[in-house]
């Protein structure tokens, strides 16, 4: 009796499966019930809906790709900006050390110590130059307010009018931008 129940159960499931395959699923079209012309019309309508849905999905995908590309570019630019900012902050701090080297040189009288000191200073300048630091050439040049800061005007010869007479503190550029303007005395007539 158990075998017969199992066979009947299997037969019922097979019949249900076959019936389900014969009936159109929900949302599918029944050609026999509709007739050929209406079936074709319904298919064309369905194709139009699917094409519109596809176009909409494609537009969303393209927008998302463009948004992601813009996000990636913004982040790359921001990373470069932060890298440059970090570099300039470190170099700015080291400029004080470089200024102190120039001040200390005035007080070193022993030639051997001065040679060693010059080598150390040169090494620091070379290291900073490797990161793009450039000294602003100011001594004897025409005064340029974009890269120099006039601390004082000094009476002098007519040929010195508007020219830098003395550099009080060197100025520097980093990557073409003024990191610190040169502090100078400017000649006046």
N, C-alpha and C. Protein backbone atom coordinates (compact mmCIF):
# COMPACT_ATOMS: atom_id res chain seq x y z
N UNK A 1 0.80 -1.19 0.00
CA UNK A 1 0.00 0.00 0.00
C UNK A 1 0.86 1.27 0.00
N UNK A 2 1.92 1.21 0.66
CA UNK A 2 2.81 2.37 0.69
C UNK A 2 3.34 2.66 -0.71
N UNK A 3 3.71 1.64 -1.44
CA UNK A 3 4.25 1.85 -2.79
C UNK A 3 3.22 2.51 -3.70
N UNK A 4 1.94 2.07 -3.56
CA UNK A 4 0.89 2.63 -4.39
C UNK A 4 0.69 4.12 -4.08
N UNK A 5 0.74 4.50 -2.77
CA UNK A 5 0.60 5.90 -2.38
C UNK A 5 1.74 6.75 -2.96
N UNK A 6 2.94 6.19 -2.91
CA UNK A 6 4.10 6.92 -3.43
C UNK A 6 3.95 7.13 -4.92
N UNK A 7 3.51 6.05 -5.65
CA UNK A 7 3.32 6.16 -7.11
C UNK A 7 2.23 7.18 -7.43
N UNK A 8 1.10 7.13 -6.67
CA UNK A 8 0.02 8.08 -6.91
C UNK A 8 0.49 9.52 -6.67
N UNK A 9 1.27 9.69 -5.62
CA UNK A 9 1.81 11.01 -5.27
C UNK A 9 2.71 11.52 -6.40
N UNK A 10 3.57 10.63 -6.92
CA UNK A 10 4.48 11.01 -8.01
C UNK A 10 3.68 11.36 -9.26
N UNK A 11 2.68 10.58 -9.54
CA UNK A 11 1.85 10.81 -10.72
C UNK A 11 1.14 12.15 -10.61
N UNK A 12 0.61 12.46 -9.44
CA UNK A 12 -0.08 13.73 -9.22
C UNK A 12 0.87 14.91 -9.44
N UNK A 13 2.09 14.79 -8.92
CA UNK A 13 3.07 15.87 -9.07
C UNK A 13 3.45 16.06 -10.54
N UNK A 14 3.61 14.96 -11.25
CA UNK A 14 3.96 15.03 -12.67
C UNK A 14 2.84 15.69 -13.46
N UNK A 15 1.59 15.35 -13.14
CA UNK A 15 0.44 15.93 -13.83
C UNK A 15 0.34 17.44 -13.54
N UNK A 16 0.58 17.82 -12.28
CA UNK A 16 0.55 19.24 -11.92
C UNK A 16 1.62 20.02 -12.67
N UNK A 17 2.79 19.39 -12.78
CA UNK A 17 3.90 20.04 -13.47
C UNK A 17 3.56 20.24 -14.94
N UNK A 18 2.99 19.21 -15.57
CA UNK A 18 2.63 19.29 -16.99
C UNK A 18 1.55 20.34 -17.19
N UNK A 19 0.58 20.40 -16.31
CA UNK A 19 -0.50 21.38 -16.42
C UNK A 19 0.05 22.80 -16.26
N UNK A 20 1.00 22.95 -15.36
CA UNK A 20 1.60 24.26 -15.14
C UNK A 20 2.36 24.72 -16.37
N UNK A 21 3.00 23.78 -17.07
CA UNK A 21 3.74 24.14 -18.26
C UNK A 21 2.81 24.52 -19.40
N UNK A 22 1.62 23.92 -19.45
CA UNK A 22 0.67 24.21 -20.51
C UNK A 22 0.03 25.58 -20.31
N UNK A 23 -0.25 25.96 -19.05
CA UNK A 23 -0.88 27.24 -18.76
C UNK A 23 0.17 28.35 -18.85
N UNK A 24 -0.17 29.49 -19.39
CA UNK A 24 0.79 30.60 -19.39
C UNK A 24 0.97 31.13 -17.97
N UNK A 25 2.21 31.44 -17.64
CA UNK A 25 2.51 31.98 -16.31
C UNK A 25 1.93 33.39 -16.22
N UNK A 26 1.85 33.89 -15.02
CA UNK A 26 1.31 35.22 -14.81
C UNK A 26 2.16 36.24 -15.55
N UNK A 27 1.54 37.10 -16.32
CA UNK A 27 2.27 38.09 -17.08
C UNK A 27 2.61 37.60 -18.48
N UNK A 28 2.49 36.30 -18.76
CA UNK A 28 2.75 35.78 -20.10
C UNK A 28 1.47 35.84 -20.91
N UNK A 29 1.62 35.80 -22.21
CA UNK A 29 0.46 35.90 -23.10
C UNK A 29 0.00 34.51 -23.52
N UNK A 30 -1.33 34.32 -23.64
CA UNK A 30 -1.91 33.05 -24.08
C UNK A 30 -2.34 33.23 -25.53
N UNK A 31 -1.56 32.71 -26.46
CA UNK A 31 -1.79 32.88 -27.89
C UNK A 31 -3.13 32.30 -28.31
N UNK A 32 -3.45 31.12 -27.80
CA UNK A 32 -4.69 30.46 -28.20
C UNK A 32 -5.90 31.27 -27.77
N UNK A 33 -5.88 31.81 -26.57
CA UNK A 33 -7.03 32.55 -26.06
C UNK A 33 -7.17 33.90 -26.74
N UNK A 34 -6.05 34.50 -27.18
CA UNK A 34 -6.07 35.86 -27.72
C UNK A 34 -6.32 35.90 -29.23
N UNK A 35 -5.86 34.95 -29.92
CA UNK A 35 -5.90 35.01 -31.38
C UNK A 35 -4.59 35.60 -31.88
N UNK A 36 -4.27 35.31 -33.15
CA UNK A 36 -2.96 35.69 -33.69
C UNK A 36 -2.72 37.20 -33.72
N UNK A 37 -3.69 37.97 -34.22
CA UNK A 37 -3.48 39.41 -34.36
C UNK A 37 -3.30 40.10 -33.00
N UNK A 38 -4.15 39.79 -32.08
CA UNK A 38 -4.04 40.39 -30.75
C UNK A 38 -2.76 39.92 -30.05
N UNK A 39 -2.40 38.67 -30.29
CA UNK A 39 -1.17 38.14 -29.69
C UNK A 39 0.04 38.90 -30.22
N UNK A 40 0.07 39.14 -31.53
CA UNK A 40 1.19 39.88 -32.14
C UNK A 40 1.20 41.32 -31.61
N UNK A 41 0.04 41.94 -31.52
CA UNK A 41 -0.05 43.29 -30.97
C UNK A 41 0.48 43.34 -29.53
N UNK A 42 0.06 42.36 -28.75
CA UNK A 42 0.50 42.31 -27.36
C UNK A 42 2.00 42.10 -27.27
N UNK A 43 2.53 41.25 -28.15
CA UNK A 43 3.99 41.03 -28.17
C UNK A 43 4.73 42.31 -28.54
N UNK A 44 4.23 43.02 -29.56
CA UNK A 44 4.87 44.27 -29.97
C UNK A 44 4.84 45.29 -28.84
N UNK A 45 3.71 45.35 -28.15
CA UNK A 45 3.60 46.25 -27.00
C UNK A 45 4.61 45.87 -25.91
N UNK A 46 4.70 44.58 -25.65
CA UNK A 46 5.64 44.09 -24.61
C UNK A 46 7.08 44.41 -25.01
N UNK A 47 7.41 44.20 -26.32
CA UNK A 47 8.75 44.52 -26.81
C UNK A 47 9.04 46.01 -26.62
N UNK A 48 8.06 46.86 -26.93
CA UNK A 48 8.23 48.30 -26.73
C UNK A 48 8.49 48.65 -25.28
N UNK A 49 7.73 48.03 -24.37
CA UNK A 49 7.95 48.27 -22.94
C UNK A 49 9.34 47.84 -22.51
N UNK A 50 9.76 46.66 -22.99
CA UNK A 50 11.09 46.15 -22.61
C UNK A 50 12.20 47.03 -23.18
N UNK A 51 12.00 47.54 -24.41
CA UNK A 51 13.01 48.42 -25.00
C UNK A 51 13.11 49.73 -24.21
N UNK A 52 11.96 50.26 -23.79
CA UNK A 52 11.96 51.49 -22.99
C UNK A 52 12.65 51.24 -21.65
N UNK A 53 12.35 50.11 -21.04
CA UNK A 53 12.98 49.76 -19.76
C UNK A 53 14.49 49.60 -19.94
N UNK A 54 14.89 48.99 -21.06
CA UNK A 54 16.31 48.80 -21.36
C UNK A 54 17.00 50.16 -21.54
N UNK A 55 16.35 51.07 -22.28
CA UNK A 55 16.92 52.41 -22.48
C UNK A 55 17.06 53.15 -21.16
N UNK A 56 16.06 53.03 -20.31
CA UNK A 56 16.11 53.67 -19.00
C UNK A 56 17.25 53.10 -18.16
N UNK A 57 17.37 51.79 -18.17
CA UNK A 57 18.45 51.14 -17.41
C UNK A 57 19.81 51.54 -17.95
N UNK A 58 19.91 51.63 -19.28
CA UNK A 58 21.18 52.02 -19.90
C UNK A 58 21.54 53.46 -19.49
N UNK A 59 20.55 54.36 -19.48
CA UNK A 59 20.79 55.75 -19.08
C UNK A 59 21.25 55.82 -17.63
N UNK A 60 20.62 55.05 -16.76
CA UNK A 60 21.01 55.02 -15.34
C UNK A 60 22.44 54.51 -15.22
N UNK A 61 22.76 53.46 -15.97
CA UNK A 61 24.11 52.89 -15.93
C UNK A 61 25.15 53.91 -16.38
N UNK A 62 24.85 54.61 -17.49
CA UNK A 62 25.79 55.62 -17.99
C UNK A 62 25.98 56.75 -16.98
N UNK A 63 24.88 57.19 -16.34
CA UNK A 63 24.98 58.24 -15.32
C UNK A 63 25.84 57.77 -14.15
N UNK A 64 25.62 56.54 -13.73
CA UNK A 64 26.41 56.01 -12.61
C UNK A 64 27.88 55.90 -12.97
N UNK A 65 28.16 55.48 -14.21
CA UNK A 65 29.56 55.41 -14.65
C UNK A 65 30.19 56.79 -14.66
N UNK A 66 29.46 57.78 -15.17
CA UNK A 66 29.98 59.15 -15.21
C UNK A 66 30.19 59.68 -13.80
N UNK A 67 29.24 59.42 -12.91
CA UNK A 67 29.39 59.85 -11.51
C UNK A 67 30.61 59.22 -10.87
N UNK A 68 30.83 57.93 -11.13
CA UNK A 68 31.98 57.25 -10.55
C UNK A 68 33.28 57.80 -11.11
N UNK A 69 33.32 58.07 -12.43
CA UNK A 69 34.52 58.66 -13.03
C UNK A 69 34.82 60.02 -12.41
N UNK A 70 33.78 60.84 -12.24
CA UNK A 70 33.96 62.15 -11.60
C UNK A 70 34.44 62.00 -10.17
N UNK A 71 33.89 61.05 -9.44
CA UNK A 71 34.30 60.77 -8.06
C UNK A 71 35.78 60.38 -8.02
N UNK A 72 36.18 59.50 -8.93
CA UNK A 72 37.57 59.04 -8.98
C UNK A 72 38.51 60.21 -9.29
N UNK A 73 38.12 61.05 -10.25
CA UNK A 73 38.95 62.20 -10.60
C UNK A 73 39.05 63.19 -9.45
N UNK A 74 37.90 63.45 -8.77
CA UNK A 74 37.91 64.36 -7.62
C UNK A 74 38.83 63.84 -6.53
N UNK A 75 38.74 62.56 -6.26
CA UNK A 75 39.59 61.98 -5.20
C UNK A 75 41.06 62.01 -5.59
N UNK A 76 41.37 61.77 -6.86
CA UNK A 76 42.76 61.83 -7.30
C UNK A 76 43.29 63.25 -7.16
N UNK A 77 42.48 64.24 -7.56
CA UNK A 77 42.90 65.64 -7.43
C UNK A 77 43.05 66.02 -5.96
N UNK A 78 42.13 65.56 -5.14
CA UNK A 78 42.20 65.86 -3.70
C UNK A 78 43.44 65.22 -3.08
N UNK A 79 43.76 64.00 -3.49
CA UNK A 79 44.95 63.32 -2.97
C UNK A 79 46.21 64.08 -3.35
N UNK A 80 46.27 64.56 -4.60
CA UNK A 80 47.42 65.34 -5.05
C UNK A 80 47.53 66.65 -4.26
N UNK A 81 46.38 67.27 -4.04
CA UNK A 81 46.35 68.53 -3.29
C UNK A 81 46.84 68.32 -1.86
N UNK A 82 46.39 67.26 -1.22
CA UNK A 82 46.80 66.96 0.16
C UNK A 82 48.29 66.62 0.21
N UNK A 83 48.77 65.91 -0.80
CA UNK A 83 50.20 65.58 -0.86
C UNK A 83 51.03 66.86 -0.98
N UNK A 84 50.60 67.76 -1.86
CA UNK A 84 51.31 69.03 -2.04
C UNK A 84 51.24 69.87 -0.77
N UNK A 85 50.10 69.88 -0.11
CA UNK A 85 49.95 70.63 1.14
C UNK A 85 50.87 70.08 2.22
N UNK A 86 50.92 68.77 2.35
CA UNK A 86 51.80 68.15 3.34
C UNK A 86 53.26 68.47 3.07
N UNK A 87 53.63 68.39 1.78
CA UNK A 87 55.01 68.68 1.40
C UNK A 87 55.35 70.13 1.72
N UNK A 88 54.45 71.06 1.39
CA UNK A 88 54.74 72.47 1.65
C UNK A 88 54.82 72.77 3.14
N UNK A 89 54.00 72.09 3.95
CA UNK A 89 54.05 72.31 5.40
C UNK A 89 55.39 71.85 5.98
N UNK A 90 55.88 70.71 5.53
CA UNK A 90 57.17 70.20 6.03
C UNK A 90 58.30 71.12 5.59
N UNK A 91 58.26 71.52 4.32
CA UNK A 91 59.33 72.38 3.80
C UNK A 91 59.31 73.74 4.49
N UNK A 92 58.13 74.27 4.74
CA UNK A 92 58.03 75.55 5.46
C UNK A 92 58.71 75.47 6.83
N UNK A 93 58.52 74.36 7.51
CA UNK A 93 59.15 74.18 8.83
C UNK A 93 60.67 74.11 8.69
N UNK A 94 61.15 73.49 7.62
CA UNK A 94 62.59 73.36 7.42
C UNK A 94 63.24 74.67 6.96
N UNK A 95 62.45 75.60 6.45
CA UNK A 95 63.01 76.90 6.05
C UNK A 95 63.58 77.64 7.25
N UNK A 96 62.97 77.47 8.41
CA UNK A 96 63.51 78.07 9.63
C UNK A 96 64.89 77.53 9.95
N UNK A 97 65.09 76.24 9.73
CA UNK A 97 66.41 75.63 9.94
C UNK A 97 67.40 76.21 8.96
N UNK A 98 66.97 76.38 7.72
CA UNK A 98 67.85 76.95 6.69
C UNK A 98 68.23 78.39 7.04
N UNK A 99 67.27 79.17 7.53
CA UNK A 99 67.56 80.55 7.96
C UNK A 99 68.56 80.57 9.10
N UNK A 100 68.39 79.67 10.05
CA UNK A 100 69.32 79.60 11.18
C UNK A 100 70.72 79.19 10.74
N UNK A 101 70.81 78.40 9.69
CA UNK A 101 72.13 78.04 9.15
C UNK A 101 72.85 79.29 8.65
N UNK A 102 72.11 80.15 7.95
CA UNK A 102 72.71 81.39 7.44
C UNK A 102 73.16 82.29 8.59
N UNK A 103 72.35 82.34 9.66
CA UNK A 103 72.74 83.15 10.83
C UNK A 103 73.95 82.55 11.54
N UNK A 104 73.98 81.25 11.68
CA UNK A 104 75.07 80.59 12.40
C UNK A 104 76.40 80.75 11.65
N UNK A 105 76.34 80.78 10.32
CA UNK A 105 77.56 80.90 9.52
C UNK A 105 78.35 82.16 9.91
N UNK A 106 77.65 83.21 10.28
CA UNK A 106 78.31 84.47 10.64
C UNK A 106 79.20 84.32 11.88
N UNK A 107 78.88 83.35 12.73
CA UNK A 107 79.60 83.21 14.00
C UNK A 107 80.63 82.09 14.01
N UNK A 108 80.77 81.38 12.89
CA UNK A 108 81.78 80.32 12.83
C UNK A 108 83.06 80.93 12.27
N UNK A 109 84.12 80.87 13.07
CA UNK A 109 85.39 81.50 12.67
C UNK A 109 86.41 80.46 12.21
N UNK A 110 86.32 79.26 12.70
CA UNK A 110 87.27 78.20 12.36
C UNK A 110 86.96 77.68 10.95
N UNK A 111 87.98 77.66 10.09
CA UNK A 111 87.81 77.25 8.69
C UNK A 111 87.33 75.81 8.56
N UNK A 112 87.84 74.92 9.39
CA UNK A 112 87.45 73.50 9.33
C UNK A 112 85.97 73.34 9.68
N UNK A 113 85.54 74.04 10.73
CA UNK A 113 84.13 73.97 11.11
C UNK A 113 83.23 74.59 10.04
N UNK A 114 83.70 75.68 9.45
CA UNK A 114 82.93 76.35 8.41
C UNK A 114 82.75 75.45 7.19
N UNK A 115 83.79 74.71 6.83
CA UNK A 115 83.70 73.78 5.70
C UNK A 115 82.68 72.68 5.98
N UNK A 116 82.74 72.11 7.15
CA UNK A 116 81.78 71.07 7.54
C UNK A 116 80.36 71.62 7.59
N UNK A 117 80.24 72.82 8.11
CA UNK A 117 78.92 73.46 8.21
C UNK A 117 78.36 73.73 6.81
N UNK A 118 79.22 74.20 5.91
CA UNK A 118 78.79 74.46 4.53
C UNK A 118 78.31 73.18 3.85
N UNK A 119 78.99 72.08 4.12
CA UNK A 119 78.60 70.79 3.53
C UNK A 119 77.22 70.37 4.04
N UNK A 120 76.98 70.56 5.33
CA UNK A 120 75.67 70.22 5.92
C UNK A 120 74.57 71.10 5.32
N UNK A 121 74.85 72.38 5.23
CA UNK A 121 73.86 73.30 4.68
C UNK A 121 73.56 72.97 3.22
N UNK A 122 74.60 72.66 2.46
CA UNK A 122 74.43 72.31 1.04
C UNK A 122 73.57 71.05 0.92
N UNK A 123 73.79 70.09 1.81
CA UNK A 123 73.01 68.85 1.79
C UNK A 123 71.53 69.14 2.06
N UNK A 124 71.26 70.03 3.00
CA UNK A 124 69.88 70.41 3.31
C UNK A 124 69.24 71.12 2.12
N UNK A 125 69.97 72.05 1.51
CA UNK A 125 69.46 72.78 0.34
C UNK A 125 69.19 71.81 -0.81
N UNK A 126 70.10 70.86 -1.05
CA UNK A 126 69.91 69.88 -2.12
C UNK A 126 68.69 69.00 -1.86
N UNK A 127 68.50 68.61 -0.61
CA UNK A 127 67.34 67.77 -0.26
C UNK A 127 66.04 68.54 -0.50
N UNK A 128 66.01 69.80 -0.11
CA UNK A 128 64.81 70.61 -0.32
C UNK A 128 64.59 70.90 -1.81
N UNK A 129 65.66 71.09 -2.55
CA UNK A 129 65.55 71.31 -3.99
C UNK A 129 65.00 70.08 -4.70
N UNK A 130 65.34 68.91 -4.19
CA UNK A 130 64.83 67.67 -4.79
C UNK A 130 63.31 67.59 -4.69
N UNK A 131 62.73 68.29 -3.72
CA UNK A 131 61.27 68.32 -3.57
C UNK A 131 60.65 69.51 -4.30
N UNK A 132 61.47 70.25 -5.07
CA UNK A 132 60.94 71.34 -5.89
C UNK A 132 61.10 72.73 -5.30
N UNK A 133 61.84 72.88 -4.22
CA UNK A 133 62.03 74.19 -3.62
C UNK A 133 63.02 75.00 -4.45
N UNK A 134 62.64 76.25 -4.76
CA UNK A 134 63.52 77.16 -5.51
C UNK A 134 63.68 78.45 -4.73
N UNK A 135 64.91 78.95 -4.70
CA UNK A 135 65.15 80.24 -4.04
C UNK A 135 64.74 81.35 -5.00
N UNK A 136 64.11 82.39 -4.46
CA UNK A 136 63.74 83.55 -5.27
C UNK A 136 64.96 84.46 -5.37
N UNK A 137 65.41 84.69 -6.61
CA UNK A 137 66.58 85.55 -6.83
C UNK A 137 66.15 87.00 -6.62
N UNK A 138 66.62 87.60 -5.53
CA UNK A 138 66.15 88.95 -5.18
C UNK A 138 67.28 89.96 -5.14
N UNK A 139 68.48 89.59 -4.75
CA UNK A 139 69.57 90.53 -4.54
C UNK A 139 69.91 91.26 -5.84
N UNK A 140 69.72 92.59 -5.84
CA UNK A 140 70.03 93.42 -7.00
C UNK A 140 68.95 93.41 -8.07
N UNK A 141 67.91 92.63 -7.91
CA UNK A 141 66.84 92.54 -8.90
C UNK A 141 65.84 93.68 -8.72
N UNK A 142 65.03 93.90 -9.75
CA UNK A 142 63.93 94.86 -9.62
C UNK A 142 62.95 94.32 -8.58
N UNK A 143 62.39 95.24 -7.78
CA UNK A 143 61.43 94.82 -6.76
C UNK A 143 60.18 94.26 -7.43
N UNK A 144 59.76 93.07 -7.03
CA UNK A 144 58.57 92.41 -7.56
C UNK A 144 57.65 92.07 -6.39
N UNK A 145 56.55 92.81 -6.22
CA UNK A 145 55.68 92.58 -5.07
C UNK A 145 55.01 91.20 -5.06
N UNK A 146 55.03 90.50 -6.20
CA UNK A 146 54.43 89.17 -6.25
C UNK A 146 55.27 88.14 -5.50
N UNK A 147 56.60 88.39 -5.42
CA UNK A 147 57.48 87.42 -4.78
C UNK A 147 58.34 88.03 -3.67
N UNK A 148 58.20 89.34 -3.45
CA UNK A 148 59.02 90.01 -2.44
C UNK A 148 58.15 90.85 -1.52
N UNK A 149 58.65 91.04 -0.32
CA UNK A 149 57.98 91.89 0.65
C UNK A 149 58.97 92.99 1.05
N UNK A 150 58.62 94.25 0.73
CA UNK A 150 59.50 95.37 1.05
C UNK A 150 59.33 95.73 2.52
N UNK A 151 60.44 95.65 3.24
CA UNK A 151 60.43 95.96 4.67
C UNK A 151 60.79 97.43 4.88
N UNK A 152 61.65 97.94 3.97
CA UNK A 152 62.14 99.31 4.16
C UNK A 152 62.57 99.87 2.81
N UNK A 153 62.40 101.20 2.65
CA UNK A 153 62.94 101.88 1.46
C UNK A 153 64.18 102.64 1.92
N UNK A 154 65.26 102.48 1.17
CA UNK A 154 66.55 103.06 1.55
C UNK A 154 66.96 104.08 0.49
N UNK A 155 67.33 105.30 0.96
CA UNK A 155 67.81 106.33 0.03
C UNK A 155 69.13 105.86 -0.57
N UNK A 156 69.25 106.09 -1.88
CA UNK A 156 70.48 105.67 -2.54
C UNK A 156 70.63 106.35 -3.89
N UNK A 157 71.51 105.79 -4.69
CA UNK A 157 71.79 106.33 -6.02
C UNK A 157 70.58 106.12 -6.94
N UNK A 158 70.46 106.95 -7.98
CA UNK A 158 69.32 106.83 -8.90
C UNK A 158 69.21 105.45 -9.56
N UNK A 159 70.34 104.82 -9.83
CA UNK A 159 70.31 103.50 -10.47
C UNK A 159 69.77 102.41 -9.54
N UNK A 160 69.69 102.70 -8.24
CA UNK A 160 69.17 101.73 -7.26
C UNK A 160 67.67 101.91 -7.01
N UNK A 161 67.06 102.92 -7.65
CA UNK A 161 65.64 103.18 -7.43
C UNK A 161 64.80 101.98 -7.91
N UNK A 162 64.01 101.43 -7.00
CA UNK A 162 63.14 100.29 -7.32
C UNK A 162 63.85 98.95 -7.35
N UNK A 163 65.12 98.95 -7.00
CA UNK A 163 65.89 97.69 -6.98
C UNK A 163 66.10 97.23 -5.55
N UNK A 164 66.29 95.92 -5.41
CA UNK A 164 66.54 95.35 -4.09
C UNK A 164 67.97 95.70 -3.69
N UNK A 165 68.11 96.37 -2.55
CA UNK A 165 69.42 96.78 -2.05
C UNK A 165 69.98 95.72 -1.10
N UNK A 166 69.10 95.13 -0.30
CA UNK A 166 69.54 94.13 0.67
C UNK A 166 68.42 93.10 0.88
N UNK A 167 68.83 91.83 0.98
CA UNK A 167 67.87 90.75 1.26
C UNK A 167 67.97 90.44 2.75
N UNK A 168 66.89 90.63 3.47
CA UNK A 168 66.87 90.36 4.91
C UNK A 168 66.54 88.89 5.20
N UNK A 169 65.64 88.33 4.42
CA UNK A 169 65.29 86.90 4.55
C UNK A 169 64.99 86.38 3.14
N UNK A 170 65.64 85.28 2.79
CA UNK A 170 65.44 84.71 1.45
C UNK A 170 63.99 84.26 1.28
N UNK A 171 63.54 84.38 0.03
CA UNK A 171 62.20 83.91 -0.33
C UNK A 171 62.31 82.62 -1.13
N UNK A 172 61.24 81.84 -1.11
CA UNK A 172 61.27 80.54 -1.79
C UNK A 172 59.96 80.27 -2.51
N UNK A 173 60.08 79.51 -3.61
CA UNK A 173 58.91 79.02 -4.35
C UNK A 173 58.91 77.50 -4.27
N UNK A 174 57.71 76.95 -4.31
CA UNK A 174 57.56 75.50 -4.34
C UNK A 174 56.54 75.17 -5.42
N UNK A 175 57.00 74.48 -6.45
CA UNK A 175 56.10 74.15 -7.55
C UNK A 175 55.57 75.37 -8.27
N UNK A 176 56.38 76.41 -8.38
CA UNK A 176 55.96 77.63 -9.07
C UNK A 176 55.15 78.59 -8.22
N UNK A 177 54.76 78.18 -7.03
CA UNK A 177 53.98 79.04 -6.14
C UNK A 177 54.88 79.58 -5.05
N UNK A 178 54.64 80.83 -4.65
CA UNK A 178 55.45 81.45 -3.60
C UNK A 178 55.12 80.78 -2.27
N UNK A 179 56.15 80.17 -1.69
CA UNK A 179 55.98 79.56 -0.38
C UNK A 179 56.21 80.61 0.70
N UNK A 180 57.24 81.42 0.47
CA UNK A 180 57.54 82.52 1.39
C UNK A 180 58.18 83.63 0.57
N UNK A 181 57.62 84.86 0.62
CA UNK A 181 58.23 85.95 -0.15
C UNK A 181 59.55 86.39 0.49
N UNK A 182 60.44 86.91 -0.34
CA UNK A 182 61.72 87.42 0.17
C UNK A 182 61.47 88.75 0.88
N UNK A 183 62.05 88.91 2.07
CA UNK A 183 61.97 90.19 2.80
C UNK A 183 63.17 91.02 2.38
N UNK A 184 62.90 92.21 1.82
CA UNK A 184 63.99 92.99 1.22
C UNK A 184 63.90 94.46 1.59
N UNK A 185 65.06 95.13 1.41
CA UNK A 185 65.12 96.59 1.47
C UNK A 185 65.21 97.06 0.02
N UNK A 186 64.42 98.10 -0.30
CA UNK A 186 64.36 98.58 -1.69
C UNK A 186 64.94 99.98 -1.76
N UNK A 187 65.72 100.22 -2.83
CA UNK A 187 66.33 101.53 -3.03
C UNK A 187 65.31 102.57 -3.46
N UNK A 188 65.53 103.82 -2.99
CA UNK A 188 64.65 104.93 -3.36
C UNK A 188 65.51 106.15 -3.62
N UNK A 189 65.02 107.06 -4.44
CA UNK A 189 65.77 108.28 -4.76
C UNK A 189 65.32 109.40 -3.87
